[in-house]
Amino acid sequence: LLGAREDSFYAEPPIEHLDIWRSPHLCQGYWIHPTANGIPEHRTKITAAEFIIFLIGEGRIEN
């Protein structure tokens, strides 16, 4: 799990946390979009690397 409050990422299949950071481009999973503006929570298939790039672009984490 990355990003526990708003948008979050879940690896599928599950992997060890450190493996996400070793090879985020190989870690497949789902970006969980929270409920917002009447749109229910939904998922997008994505890699951990793509999710991290999104968070950096949004200014939620520093690079």
C-alpha atoms as a PDB file:
ATOM      1  CA  LEU A   1       0.000   0.000   0.000  1.00  0.00           C
ATOM      2  CA  LEU A   2       1.320   3.426  -0.966  1.00  0.00           C
ATOM      3  CA  GLY A   3      -0.596   6.586  -0.098  1.00  0.00           C
ATOM      4  CA  ALA A   4      -2.986   5.594   2.668  1.00  0.00           C
ATOM      5  CA  ARG A   5      -5.282   8.642   2.799  1.00  0.00           C
ATOM      6  CA  GLU A   6      -6.244   9.873  -0.637  1.00  0.00           C
ATOM      7  CA  ASP A   7      -5.177   8.073  -3.788  1.00  0.00           C
ATOM      8  CA  SER A   8      -3.459   4.790  -2.966  1.00  0.00           C
ATOM      9  CA  PHE A   9      -1.659   1.929  -4.714  1.00  0.00           C
ATOM     10  CA  TYR A  10      -2.050  -1.801  -4.075  1.00  0.00           C
ATOM     11  CA  ALA A  11       0.348  -4.329  -5.624  1.00  0.00           C
ATOM     12  CA  GLU A  12      -1.320  -7.228  -7.431  1.00  0.00           C
ATOM     13  CA  PRO A  13      -0.073  -9.836  -6.839  1.00  0.00           C
ATOM     14  CA  PRO A  14       1.041  -8.744  -3.364  1.00  0.00           C
ATOM     15  CA  ILE A  15       4.802  -8.271  -2.910  1.00  0.00           C
ATOM     16  CA  GLU A  16       7.109  -7.266  -0.079  1.00  0.00           C
ATOM     17  CA  HIS A  17       7.236  -3.525   0.594  1.00  0.00           C
ATOM     18  CA  LEU A  18      10.975  -3.240  -0.143  1.00  0.00           C
ATOM     19  CA  ASP A  19      10.491  -4.941  -3.529  1.00  0.00           C
ATOM     20  CA  ILE A  20       8.236  -2.055  -4.567  1.00  0.00           C
ATOM     21  CA  TRP A  21      11.130   0.365  -4.001  1.00  0.00           C
ATOM     22  CA  ARG A  22      13.750  -1.908  -5.607  1.00  0.00           C
ATOM     23  CA  SER A  23      11.859  -2.290  -8.886  1.00  0.00           C
ATOM     24  CA  PRO A  24       8.797  -0.019  -8.973  1.00  0.00           C
ATOM     25  CA  HIS A  25       8.627  -0.282 -12.771  1.00  0.00           C
ATOM     26  CA  LEU A  26       8.056  -4.062 -12.427  1.00  0.00           C
ATOM     27  CA  CYS A  27       5.459  -3.840  -9.654  1.00  0.00           C
ATOM     28  CA  GLN A  28       1.991  -4.138 -11.188  1.00  0.00           C
ATOM     29  CA  GLY A  29      -1.081  -3.160  -9.232  1.00  0.00           C
ATOM     30  CA  TYR A  30      -3.998  -0.791  -8.915  1.00  0.00           C
ATOM     31  CA  TRP A  31      -4.312   2.917  -8.265  1.00  0.00           C
ATOM     32  CA  ILE A  32      -7.317   3.272  -5.976  1.00  0.00           C
ATOM     33  CA  HIS A  33      -9.120   6.546  -6.651  1.00  0.00           C
ATOM     34  CA  PRO A  34     -11.185   7.691  -3.642  1.00  0.00           C
ATOM     35  CA  THR A  35     -14.826   8.709  -3.877  1.00  0.00           C
ATOM     36  CA  ALA A  36     -15.025  12.321  -5.092  1.00  0.00           C
ATOM     37  CA  ASN A  37     -17.648  14.601  -6.632  1.00  0.00           C
ATOM     38  CA  GLY A  38     -20.256  11.844  -6.614  1.00  0.00           C
ATOM     39  CA  ILE A  39     -17.976   9.401  -8.461  1.00  0.00           C
ATOM     40  CA  PRO A  40     -17.577   6.170  -6.456  1.00  0.00           C
ATOM     41  CA  GLU A  41     -14.185   4.725  -5.587  1.00  0.00           C
ATOM     42  CA  HIS A  42     -12.625   3.016  -8.606  1.00  0.00           C
ATOM     43  CA  ARG A  43      -9.360   1.371  -9.733  1.00  0.00           C
ATOM     44  CA  THR A  44      -6.873   1.924 -12.549  1.00  0.00           C
ATOM     45  CA  LYS A  45      -4.264  -0.724 -13.474  1.00  0.00           C
ATOM     46  CA  ILE A  46      -0.820   0.906 -13.131  1.00  0.00           C
ATOM     47  CA  THR A  47       2.777   0.231 -12.044  1.00  0.00           C
ATOM     48  CA  ALA A  48       4.187   1.502  -8.765  1.00  0.00           C
ATOM     49  CA  ALA A  49       6.601   3.688 -10.774  1.00  0.00           C
ATOM     50  CA  GLU A  50       3.732   5.384 -12.622  1.00  0.00           C
ATOM     51  CA  PHE A  51       1.911   5.971  -9.325  1.00  0.00           C
ATOM     52  CA  ILE A  52       5.029   7.493  -7.716  1.00  0.00           C
ATOM     53  CA  ILE A  53       5.514   9.773 -10.746  1.00  0.00           C
ATOM     54  CA  PHE A  54       1.888  10.922 -10.341  1.00  0.00           C
ATOM     55  CA  LEU A  55       2.452  11.727  -6.645  1.00  0.00           C
ATOM     56  CA  ILE A  56       5.620  13.696  -7.428  1.00  0.00           C
ATOM     57  CA  GLY A  57       3.801  15.627 -10.172  1.00  0.00           C
ATOM     58  CA  GLU A  58       1.023  16.510  -7.737  1.00  0.00           C
ATOM     59  CA  GLY A  59       3.560  17.719  -5.159  1.00  0.00           C
ATOM     60  CA  ARG A  60       2.457  15.092  -2.642  1.00  0.00           C
ATOM     61  CA  ILE A  61       5.985  13.713  -2.272  1.00  0.00           C
ATOM     62  CA  GLU A  62       9.337  15.326  -2.984  1.00  0.00           C
ATOM     63  CA  ASN A  63      11.750  13.825  -5.489  1.00  0.00           C
END
